Amino acid sequence: MAAFRSIRLWHSCIYLLVLITAGCGMSYREKVVEHPIPRLYGTEDPQFSRTMGTLLGSDILDGNLVEVLLNGDEIFPAMLQAIRSAEKTITFETFNYWSGSIGSDFSNALAERARAGVKVHVLLDWIGSYKMDASQLELMEQAGVEVKKFNKPHWYQLGRLNNRTHRKLLVVDGQIGFTGGVGIGDQWSGHAQDPEHWRDSHYRFQGPVVGQMQAVFMDNWIKVSGDVLHGPAYFPALQPVGSGKAHVFSSSPSGGSESMRLMYLLAITAASRTIHLSTPYFIPDALTIQTLTDAAKRGVTVQIITVGDHADSETVRRASRARWGDLLEAGIEIHEYQPTLYHCKVMIVDGLWTSVGSTNFDPRSFSLNHEANVNYYDRDFALRLIEIFQEDLARSRQVTFQEWKDRPLVEKIWEHAASLLGSQL
């Protein structure tokens, strides 16, 4: 528990830091969607995927294959095996990269491939990797790994300190891609067996969609390095390997900061039967609350799993709970995961459309961070993720509307105060 408390303290310091500097970069803000989106079609209507693929995202590509990886015992061996098998290129972007055995395993594997002649490019968020052991960084750089830090603070651009890359992308030889919620740290190891080992999911992709994952990595790599990585070693011709339709959906404050939120709003609006949402950080704004409650009122079953007592940010958790009233009153189910910190980031709509990746359901992911998700249009994949959702649900505790109303006054005051910071959480 000492390590867990240390992590919570670290996150509190980070939140304080970004809140102090946030005002430096808020002189201009893009317009946001403020009014309910008319419901013109459901998820099974071809217009739904057409809208997702043309209005907001990249083209939807056929011929993809995805593998679900649960918790560190499955995630890290798969990622490390892919790295160790690399023959030409590795591109890796992540937020959390911490000291410990997992960080060491990745540093050693990346360094070994660089010594073997593989072009290895690693993009680390400056804040998320602040606790990284300097010796690991030195090991990689001496081996020839090209390592860049995203948004390292400078006095003349402090406002950017509030804009982090939260993307989690690993692409090997331009042919295998990974994304999901996991960071590089010992807390993600194991199988979520206790509070020191967190619950998370990650996904291994093959097929044409991997090219889009690579392109999203290049977006931030160019911003940081000024170098354009291209050619067949990075973007090989990708043949169909499965039957899944997919595309990558990305957002950043410098372009399309509102698109990720709009993607979720459109999916919720199109829902006809079910919405399953897994998110550790759940801070819906007024329009999102209305969109979710409207879905519940037209008969959509909405189930949400979020973090419980094992939260890494109590401020975020309190800000979240302050906003649950209308959702619970409308019959939306909210469940708190009990065994450990819950870090999964998944939305499944009507057992057909699934979005997985780095995005949390909060203002920070929707407007401040650089994020990336893969949207997958496949019933078998959606049903598999619903099975996993139900397993997590069995380890969660449902919060009722009556319980929420009857919580102590001191909690209500704390939650209201935390909610006032919602746009920065």
Protein backbone atom coordinates (compact mmCIF):
# COMPACT_ATOMS: atom_id res chain seq x y z
CA MET A 1 0.00 0.00 0.00
CA ALA A 2 2.95 2.35 0.53
CA ALA A 3 3.70 2.29 -3.19
CA PHE A 4 0.05 2.92 -3.98
CA ARG A 5 -0.08 5.92 -1.62
CA SER A 6 3.08 7.26 -3.24
CA ILE A 7 1.46 7.06 -6.66
CA ARG A 8 -1.64 8.86 -5.39
CA LEU A 9 0.53 11.64 -3.95
CA TRP A 10 2.40 11.89 -7.24
CA HIS A 11 -0.82 12.27 -9.21
CA SER A 12 -2.07 14.94 -6.79
CA CYS A 13 1.13 16.92 -7.36
CA ILE A 14 0.73 16.60 -11.11
CA TYR A 15 -2.87 17.81 -10.98
CA LEU A 16 -1.82 20.82 -8.91
CA LEU A 17 0.95 21.61 -11.38
CA VAL A 18 -1.23 21.47 -14.46
CA LEU A 19 -3.99 23.48 -12.82
CA ILE A 20 -1.54 26.24 -11.93
CA THR A 21 -0.21 26.40 -15.48
CA ALA A 22 -3.53 25.83 -17.26
CA GLY A 23 -4.39 29.50 -17.35
CA CYS A 24 -1.26 30.22 -19.39
CA GLY A 25 -2.71 28.41 -22.40
CA MET A 26 -6.39 29.26 -22.21
CA SER A 27 -6.49 32.60 -24.03
CA TYR A 28 -8.13 30.84 -26.97
CA ARG A 29 -10.41 27.84 -26.96
CA GLU A 30 -12.20 26.12 -29.83
CA LYS A 31 -15.96 26.11 -29.85
CA VAL A 32 -17.45 22.92 -28.42
CA VAL A 33 -20.66 21.05 -29.16
CA GLU A 34 -23.23 22.59 -26.82
CA HIS A 35 -26.59 21.33 -28.10
CA PRO A 36 -28.06 17.80 -28.25
CA ILE A 37 -27.30 15.91 -31.43
CA PRO A 38 -30.48 14.85 -33.31
CA ARG A 39 -30.93 11.09 -33.47
CA LEU A 40 -31.17 10.35 -37.19
CA TYR A 41 -30.05 6.71 -37.33
CA GLY A 42 -29.02 3.70 -35.23
CA THR A 43 -25.74 1.82 -35.08
CA GLU A 44 -26.91 -0.79 -37.60
CA ASP A 45 -27.72 1.87 -40.19
CA PRO A 46 -24.86 2.23 -42.72
CA GLN A 47 -25.09 5.95 -42.11
CA PHE A 48 -23.61 5.45 -38.62
CA SER A 49 -20.32 3.99 -39.85
CA ARG A 50 -20.34 6.41 -42.79
CA THR A 51 -20.55 9.33 -40.39
CA MET A 52 -17.81 7.95 -38.15
CA GLY A 53 -15.52 7.33 -41.10
CA THR A 54 -16.08 10.53 -43.09
CA LEU A 55 -17.29 13.30 -40.79
CA LEU A 56 -14.91 12.60 -37.93
CA GLY A 57 -12.36 9.88 -38.45
CA SER A 58 -10.15 8.15 -40.97
CA ASP A 59 -11.54 5.67 -43.48
CA ILE A 60 -12.93 2.42 -42.11
CA LEU A 61 -10.75 -0.43 -43.36
CA ASP A 62 -11.73 -4.09 -43.78
CA GLY A 63 -9.58 -7.15 -43.20
CA ASN A 64 -8.38 -6.68 -39.63
CA LEU A 65 -7.73 -9.07 -36.76
CA VAL A 66 -7.69 -8.21 -33.05
CA GLU A 67 -6.59 -10.12 -29.96
CA VAL A 68 -7.75 -9.17 -26.45
CA LEU A 69 -5.06 -9.10 -23.76
CA LEU A 70 -6.14 -9.01 -20.11
CA ASN A 71 -3.89 -7.55 -17.42
CA GLY A 72 -0.11 -7.57 -17.29
CA ASP A 73 0.27 -11.36 -17.34
CA GLU A 74 -1.06 -11.36 -20.92
CA ILE A 75 -0.26 -7.81 -22.05
CA PHE A 76 3.44 -7.47 -21.32
CA PRO A 77 4.59 -10.85 -22.70
CA ALA A 78 2.75 -10.15 -25.96
CA MET A 79 4.23 -6.65 -26.32
CA LEU A 80 7.74 -7.80 -25.43
CA GLN A 81 7.54 -10.77 -27.79
CA ALA A 82 6.55 -8.43 -30.63
CA ILE A 83 9.43 -6.06 -29.80
CA ARG A 84 11.97 -8.91 -29.66
CA SER A 85 10.77 -10.20 -33.04
CA ALA A 86 11.15 -6.81 -34.78
CA GLU A 87 13.27 -6.91 -37.95
CA LYS A 88 13.08 -3.35 -39.29
CA THR A 89 11.29 -0.77 -37.13
CA ILE A 90 9.69 -0.16 -33.74
CA THR A 91 7.65 2.94 -32.92
CA PHE A 92 6.45 3.33 -29.35
CA GLU A 93 4.48 6.18 -27.74
CA THR A 94 3.26 6.06 -24.16
CA PHE A 95 2.27 8.24 -21.23
CA ASN A 96 3.36 6.29 -18.13
CA TYR A 97 6.87 4.83 -18.16
CA TRP A 98 8.04 4.19 -14.60
CA SER A 99 10.99 2.58 -12.89
CA GLY A 100 10.79 -1.08 -11.90
CA SER A 101 11.12 -4.51 -13.43
CA ILE A 102 8.59 -3.92 -16.25
CA GLY A 103 10.28 -0.68 -17.27
CA SER A 104 13.62 -2.47 -17.23
CA ASP A 105 12.26 -5.33 -19.36
CA PHE A 106 11.08 -2.89 -22.02
CA SER A 107 14.25 -0.81 -21.97
CA ASN A 108 16.39 -3.92 -22.36
CA ALA A 109 14.25 -5.31 -25.18
CA LEU A 110 14.21 -2.01 -27.08
CA ALA A 111 17.95 -1.56 -26.60
CA GLU A 112 18.72 -5.08 -27.81
CA ARG A 113 16.77 -4.53 -31.03
CA ALA A 114 18.49 -1.21 -31.64
CA ARG A 115 21.90 -2.90 -31.30
CA ALA A 116 20.72 -5.47 -33.83
CA GLY A 117 20.10 -2.71 -36.38
CA VAL A 118 16.37 -2.19 -35.94
CA LYS A 119 15.28 1.47 -36.13
CA VAL A 120 13.70 2.10 -32.71
CA HIS A 121 11.82 5.33 -31.95
CA VAL A 122 10.36 5.96 -28.48
CA LEU A 123 8.16 8.94 -27.62
CA LEU A 124 7.57 9.44 -23.90
CA ASP A 125 5.37 12.03 -22.27
CA TRP A 126 7.57 14.31 -20.17
CA ILE A 127 5.27 14.20 -17.11
CA GLY A 128 4.22 10.57 -17.48
CA SER A 129 7.84 9.40 -17.66
CA TYR A 130 9.17 11.71 -14.96
CA LYS A 131 9.61 8.77 -12.57
CA MET A 132 11.53 6.72 -15.11
CA ASP A 133 14.92 5.47 -13.96
CA ALA A 134 17.58 7.60 -15.69
CA SER A 135 19.73 4.51 -16.19
CA GLN A 136 17.00 2.94 -18.36
CA LEU A 137 16.91 6.01 -20.57
CA GLU A 138 20.71 6.04 -20.83
CA LEU A 139 20.74 2.33 -21.69
CA MET A 140 18.37 2.85 -24.61
CA GLU A 141 20.10 5.94 -25.96
CA GLN A 142 23.54 4.33 -25.81
CA ALA A 143 22.16 1.36 -27.76
CA GLY A 144 20.91 3.66 -30.52
CA VAL A 145 17.24 4.01 -29.53
CA GLU A 146 15.95 7.43 -30.54
CA VAL A 147 14.09 8.71 -27.48
CA LYS A 148 12.09 11.94 -27.43
CA LYS A 149 10.17 13.60 -24.59
CA PHE A 150 6.79 15.14 -25.41
CA ASN A 151 6.10 18.72 -24.27
CA LYS A 152 9.13 19.17 -22.08
CA PRO A 153 8.41 22.50 -20.38
CA HIS A 154 10.05 25.71 -21.49
CA TRP A 155 9.43 29.12 -19.97
CA TYR A 156 8.04 30.50 -23.23
CA GLN A 157 5.37 27.81 -23.64
CA LEU A 158 4.23 26.88 -20.13
CA GLY A 159 0.63 26.63 -21.33
CA ARG A 160 1.54 23.47 -23.23
CA LEU A 161 2.43 21.75 -19.97
CA ASN A 162 -1.28 21.07 -19.60
CA ASN A 163 -1.40 19.19 -22.92
CA ARG A 164 0.04 15.69 -22.54
CA THR A 165 0.33 12.81 -24.94
CA HIS A 166 -1.79 10.14 -23.34
CA ARG A 167 -1.63 7.92 -26.43
CA LYS A 168 -0.48 4.33 -25.98
CA LEU A 169 0.78 3.01 -29.31
CA LEU A 170 3.30 0.31 -30.14
CA VAL A 171 3.85 -0.61 -33.80
CA VAL A 172 6.36 -3.27 -34.87
CA ASP A 173 7.62 -3.45 -38.47
CA GLY A 174 4.52 -1.48 -39.48
CA GLN A 175 2.57 -4.75 -39.29
CA ILE A 176 1.57 -5.36 -35.65
CA GLY A 177 -0.01 -2.68 -33.50
CA PHE A 178 -0.91 -2.48 -29.82
CA THR A 179 -3.10 -0.02 -27.96
CA GLY A 180 -5.23 0.07 -24.84
CA GLY A 181 -4.99 1.38 -21.32
CA VAL A 182 -1.77 -0.09 -19.97
CA GLY A 183 1.27 1.94 -18.97
CA ILE A 184 4.81 0.70 -18.48
CA GLY A 185 5.01 0.07 -14.75
CA ASP A 186 4.96 -2.74 -12.22
CA GLN A 187 1.47 -1.73 -11.07
CA TRP A 188 0.11 -3.19 -14.32
CA SER A 189 1.87 -6.54 -13.86
CA GLY A 190 0.11 -9.66 -12.61
CA HIS A 191 -3.58 -10.40 -13.05
CA ALA A 192 -5.33 -7.75 -10.95
CA GLN A 193 -5.03 -10.04 -7.95
CA ASP A 194 -4.71 -7.32 -5.30
CA PRO A 195 -4.68 -3.51 -4.88
CA GLU A 196 -1.02 -3.32 -5.94
CA HIS A 197 -1.76 -4.92 -9.33
CA TRP A 198 -4.21 -3.02 -11.50
CA ARG A 199 -7.00 -4.20 -13.80
CA ASP A 200 -6.50 -3.21 -17.45
CA SER A 201 -6.93 -4.39 -21.02
CA HIS A 202 -4.82 -3.98 -24.14
CA TYR A 203 -5.31 -5.09 -27.75
CA ARG A 204 -3.06 -6.52 -30.47
CA PHE A 205 -4.05 -5.58 -34.04
CA GLN A 206 -3.04 -6.87 -37.44
CA GLY A 207 -4.24 -5.78 -40.85
CA PRO A 208 -4.65 -2.46 -42.68
CA VAL A 209 -5.67 -0.54 -39.54
CA VAL A 210 -2.07 -0.84 -38.26
CA GLY A 211 -1.04 1.65 -40.94
CA GLN A 212 -3.39 4.19 -39.38
CA MET A 213 -1.94 3.48 -35.94
CA GLN A 214 1.51 4.18 -37.36
CA ALA A 215 0.28 7.43 -38.90
CA VAL A 216 -1.05 8.62 -35.54
CA PHE A 217 2.34 7.91 -33.95
CA MET A 218 3.99 9.94 -36.71
CA ASP A 219 1.70 12.87 -35.94
CA ASN A 220 3.33 13.48 -32.56
CA TRP A 221 6.78 12.27 -33.61
CA ILE A 222 6.95 15.01 -36.23
CA LYS A 223 5.80 17.59 -33.67
CA VAL A 224 8.64 16.64 -31.32
CA SER A 225 11.50 15.71 -33.69
CA GLY A 226 10.72 17.43 -36.97
CA ASP A 227 11.62 14.16 -38.73
CA VAL A 228 9.34 12.31 -41.15
CA LEU A 229 9.67 8.54 -40.92
CA HIS A 230 8.31 6.84 -44.01
CA GLY A 231 8.92 4.12 -46.56
CA PRO A 232 8.11 0.41 -46.54
CA ALA A 233 9.94 -0.23 -43.25
CA TYR A 234 7.34 1.93 -41.51
CA PHE A 235 4.38 1.70 -43.90
CA PRO A 236 4.48 -1.69 -45.66
CA ALA A 237 1.66 -2.90 -47.86
CA LEU A 238 -0.80 -4.55 -45.45
CA GLN A 239 -2.94 -7.42 -46.67
CA PRO A 240 -6.25 -8.49 -45.09
CA VAL A 241 -5.73 -10.98 -42.26
CA GLY A 242 -9.24 -11.12 -40.79
CA SER A 243 -12.78 -9.89 -41.24
CA GLY A 244 -12.94 -6.97 -38.81
CA LYS A 245 -13.66 -3.43 -39.94
CA ALA A 246 -11.74 -0.77 -38.06
CA HIS A 247 -10.25 2.69 -38.10
CA VAL A 248 -8.13 4.80 -35.80
CA PHE A 249 -9.67 7.81 -34.11
CA SER A 250 -7.28 10.42 -32.72
CA SER A 251 -7.51 13.86 -31.17
CA SER A 252 -5.20 16.59 -29.92
CA PRO A 253 -5.52 20.15 -28.60
CA SER A 254 -3.71 21.43 -31.69
CA GLY A 255 -6.24 19.93 -34.07
CA GLY A 256 -9.60 18.23 -33.57
CA SER A 257 -9.66 18.51 -29.79
CA GLU A 258 -13.45 18.16 -29.83
CA SER A 259 -13.61 15.14 -32.15
CA MET A 260 -13.18 12.42 -29.49
CA ARG A 261 -16.02 13.81 -27.37
CA LEU A 262 -18.18 14.14 -30.48
CA MET A 263 -17.42 10.54 -31.41
CA TYR A 264 -18.78 9.34 -28.06
CA LEU A 265 -21.81 11.63 -28.29
CA LEU A 266 -22.68 10.30 -31.76
CA ALA A 267 -22.30 6.69 -30.61
CA ILE A 268 -24.50 7.24 -27.55
CA THR A 269 -27.09 9.06 -29.67
CA ALA A 270 -27.17 6.17 -32.17
CA ALA A 271 -27.53 3.48 -29.48
CA SER A 272 -30.71 1.40 -29.74
CA ARG A 273 -30.29 -1.35 -27.14
CA THR A 274 -27.19 -1.31 -24.93
CA ILE A 275 -24.23 0.81 -23.89
CA HIS A 276 -21.37 -0.72 -21.87
CA LEU A 277 -18.79 1.80 -20.68
CA SER A 278 -15.57 1.01 -18.80
CA THR A 279 -13.59 4.02 -17.63
CA PRO A 280 -11.43 4.82 -14.60
CA TYR A 281 -12.08 8.56 -14.89
CA PHE A 282 -15.74 9.38 -15.51
CA ILE A 283 -16.52 13.11 -15.46
CA PRO A 284 -19.40 13.70 -17.89
CA ASP A 285 -20.32 17.26 -18.81
CA ALA A 286 -23.92 18.52 -18.94
CA LEU A 287 -24.47 17.62 -22.60
CA THR A 288 -23.03 14.14 -22.16
CA ILE A 289 -25.26 13.57 -19.11
CA GLN A 290 -28.28 14.64 -21.15
CA THR A 291 -27.26 12.40 -24.06
CA LEU A 292 -26.86 9.39 -21.76
CA THR A 293 -30.14 10.01 -19.94
CA ASP A 294 -31.96 10.48 -23.26
CA ALA A 295 -30.64 7.06 -24.32
CA ALA A 296 -31.89 5.50 -21.07
CA LYS A 297 -35.30 7.13 -21.51
CA ARG A 298 -35.74 5.60 -24.96
CA GLY A 299 -35.06 2.14 -23.52
CA VAL A 300 -31.29 1.72 -23.91
CA THR A 301 -29.69 -0.26 -21.08
CA VAL A 302 -26.66 1.74 -19.90
CA GLN A 303 -24.10 0.13 -17.60
CA ILE A 304 -20.94 1.90 -16.44
CA ILE A 305 -17.99 0.48 -14.51
CA THR A 306 -15.60 2.95 -12.96
CA VAL A 307 -12.99 3.10 -10.24
CA GLY A 308 -13.90 2.34 -6.63
CA ASP A 309 -12.01 2.90 -3.38
CA HIS A 310 -8.69 2.05 -5.04
CA ALA A 311 -8.53 5.30 -6.97
CA ASP A 312 -5.23 6.93 -7.91
CA SER A 313 -6.87 10.38 -7.74
CA GLU A 314 -9.46 10.96 -5.05
CA THR A 315 -10.14 14.43 -6.48
CA VAL A 316 -11.19 12.96 -9.82
CA ARG A 317 -13.30 10.31 -8.12
CA ARG A 318 -15.14 12.94 -6.06
CA ALA A 319 -15.68 15.18 -9.08
CA SER A 320 -17.15 12.16 -10.85
CA ARG A 321 -19.58 11.22 -8.06
CA ALA A 322 -20.88 14.78 -7.86
CA ARG A 323 -22.38 14.36 -11.34
CA TRP A 324 -24.15 11.02 -10.96
CA GLY A 325 -27.57 12.20 -9.77
CA ASP A 326 -29.43 12.61 -13.07
CA LEU A 327 -27.79 9.48 -14.48
CA LEU A 328 -28.83 7.27 -11.57
CA GLU A 329 -32.32 8.76 -11.45
CA ALA A 330 -32.75 7.91 -15.15
CA GLY A 331 -31.98 4.24 -14.42
CA ILE A 332 -28.39 4.20 -15.63
CA GLU A 333 -26.32 1.68 -13.69
CA ILE A 334 -23.02 2.85 -12.21
CA HIS A 335 -20.75 0.24 -10.64
CA GLU A 336 -17.50 0.73 -8.72
CA TYR A 337 -14.82 -1.90 -9.25
CA GLN A 338 -13.72 -3.32 -5.91
CA PRO A 339 -10.54 -5.46 -6.00
CA THR A 340 -8.02 -2.89 -7.30
CA LEU A 341 -7.64 0.20 -9.46
CA TYR A 342 -9.78 -0.15 -12.58
CA HIS A 343 -8.00 1.26 -15.63
CA CYS A 344 -9.93 -0.15 -18.62
CA LYS A 345 -11.10 2.28 -21.32
CA VAL A 346 -13.80 0.65 -23.47
CA MET A 347 -17.18 1.58 -24.90
CA ILE A 348 -19.43 -1.00 -26.59
CA VAL A 349 -22.68 0.08 -28.24
CA ASP A 350 -25.45 -2.36 -29.25
CA GLY A 351 -23.02 -5.29 -29.28
CA LEU A 352 -21.72 -4.01 -32.61
CA TRP A 353 -19.47 -0.93 -32.31
CA THR A 354 -16.51 -0.90 -29.95
CA SER A 355 -13.97 1.81 -29.15
CA VAL A 356 -10.76 0.90 -27.29
CA GLY A 357 -7.58 2.82 -26.63
CA SER A 358 -6.19 5.51 -24.36
CA THR A 359 -9.19 7.81 -23.98
CA ASN A 360 -10.81 8.37 -20.60
CA PHE A 361 -14.37 9.65 -20.29
CA ASP A 362 -13.40 13.05 -18.92
CA PRO A 363 -12.63 16.61 -20.05
CA ARG A 364 -8.87 16.03 -19.93
CA SER A 365 -9.06 13.30 -22.57
CA PHE A 366 -11.72 15.12 -24.57
CA SER A 367 -10.01 18.52 -24.82
CA LEU A 368 -6.52 18.65 -23.29
CA ASN A 369 -4.67 15.40 -24.02
CA HIS A 370 -3.46 13.80 -27.23
CA GLU A 371 -5.47 10.55 -27.45
CA ALA A 372 -5.92 7.63 -29.84
CA ASN A 373 -8.58 4.91 -30.04
CA VAL A 374 -9.32 2.10 -32.45
CA ASN A 375 -13.00 1.81 -33.38
CA TYR A 376 -13.92 -1.75 -34.32
CA TYR A 377 -17.09 -2.79 -36.15
CA ASP A 378 -17.50 -6.49 -35.45
CA ARG A 379 -20.12 -8.39 -33.46
CA ASP A 380 -17.82 -11.20 -32.30
CA PHE A 381 -15.30 -8.74 -30.88
CA ALA A 382 -18.05 -6.71 -29.23
CA LEU A 383 -19.61 -9.79 -27.66
CA ARG A 384 -16.23 -10.94 -26.32
CA LEU A 385 -15.73 -7.55 -24.68
CA ILE A 386 -19.24 -7.67 -23.22
CA GLU A 387 -18.33 -11.04 -21.64
CA ILE A 388 -15.25 -9.43 -20.08
CA PHE A 389 -17.38 -6.47 -18.97
CA GLN A 390 -19.78 -8.83 -17.19
CA GLU A 391 -16.86 -10.51 -15.42
CA ASP A 392 -15.70 -7.11 -14.19
CA LEU A 393 -19.27 -6.24 -13.24
CA ALA A 394 -19.38 -9.27 -10.95
CA ARG A 395 -16.42 -7.77 -9.05
CA SER A 396 -18.05 -4.36 -8.78
CA ARG A 397 -20.54 -2.74 -6.41
CA GLN A 398 -23.56 -0.94 -7.81
CA VAL A 399 -24.32 2.54 -6.46
CA THR A 400 -28.05 3.22 -6.20
CA PHE A 401 -29.76 6.57 -6.59
CA GLN A 402 -30.99 6.41 -3.01
CA GLU A 403 -27.49 5.69 -1.70
CA TRP A 404 -26.14 8.60 -3.73
CA LYS A 405 -28.77 10.97 -2.35
CA ASP A 406 -28.17 9.85 1.24
CA ARG A 407 -24.39 10.25 1.26
CA PRO A 408 -23.05 12.40 4.13
CA LEU A 409 -23.07 16.18 3.79
CA VAL A 410 -19.29 16.40 4.05
CA GLU A 411 -18.99 14.13 1.01
CA LYS A 412 -21.43 16.27 -0.95
CA ILE A 413 -19.43 19.41 -0.18
CA TRP A 414 -16.14 17.75 -1.10
CA GLU A 415 -17.58 16.36 -4.32
CA HIS A 416 -19.12 19.68 -5.32
CA ALA A 417 -15.80 21.47 -4.72
CA ALA A 418 -13.92 18.86 -6.78
CA SER A 419 -16.48 19.12 -9.56
CA LEU A 420 -15.72 22.83 -9.98
CA LEU A 421 -12.30 21.77 -11.29
CA GLY A 422 -13.93 19.38 -13.76
CA SER A 423 -12.66 21.01 -16.96
CA GLN A 424 -9.05 20.40 -15.88
CA LEU A 425 -9.44 16.84 -14.49
